[in-house]
């Protein structure tokens, strides 16, 4: 019975974290789903690691077709969460980064999710990296 309680607790925690993502990202997340979160996390992690990251790299890292990646990144750019820079031949070759708003929202989701999961994550240090 203990495993059942642990499983239930874990599932309730996951459900709460999904609600946090919907609350912070709004319609963008509730309409497009977890791919939005995957994209934001990939860009966030690559930036922290100091790795130049293009749309093509993103497509490969999250196993999306290039055309779907272009559609998702266009929506996230329109929402003001990411930006693509650089003079490129293809939209997929531009350097992707989070905007200030994107960093703020990812940091908020991490902090609120950490509180839900009873893990302490100090997002101030990661956030300072982008400033």
Foldseek 3Di string as FASTA:
>chain_A
DVVVVVVVLVVVLVVVLLVLLCVLVPPLCVVPHDVLVLLLVVQLVCVLVVHFAFLVNSCVVVVHDSVVSVVSVVVCVVVQQKDFDDDDPDNRGTGIHGDLSNLVSNLSSVCVSCVSVVHDDDCVVSSVSVD
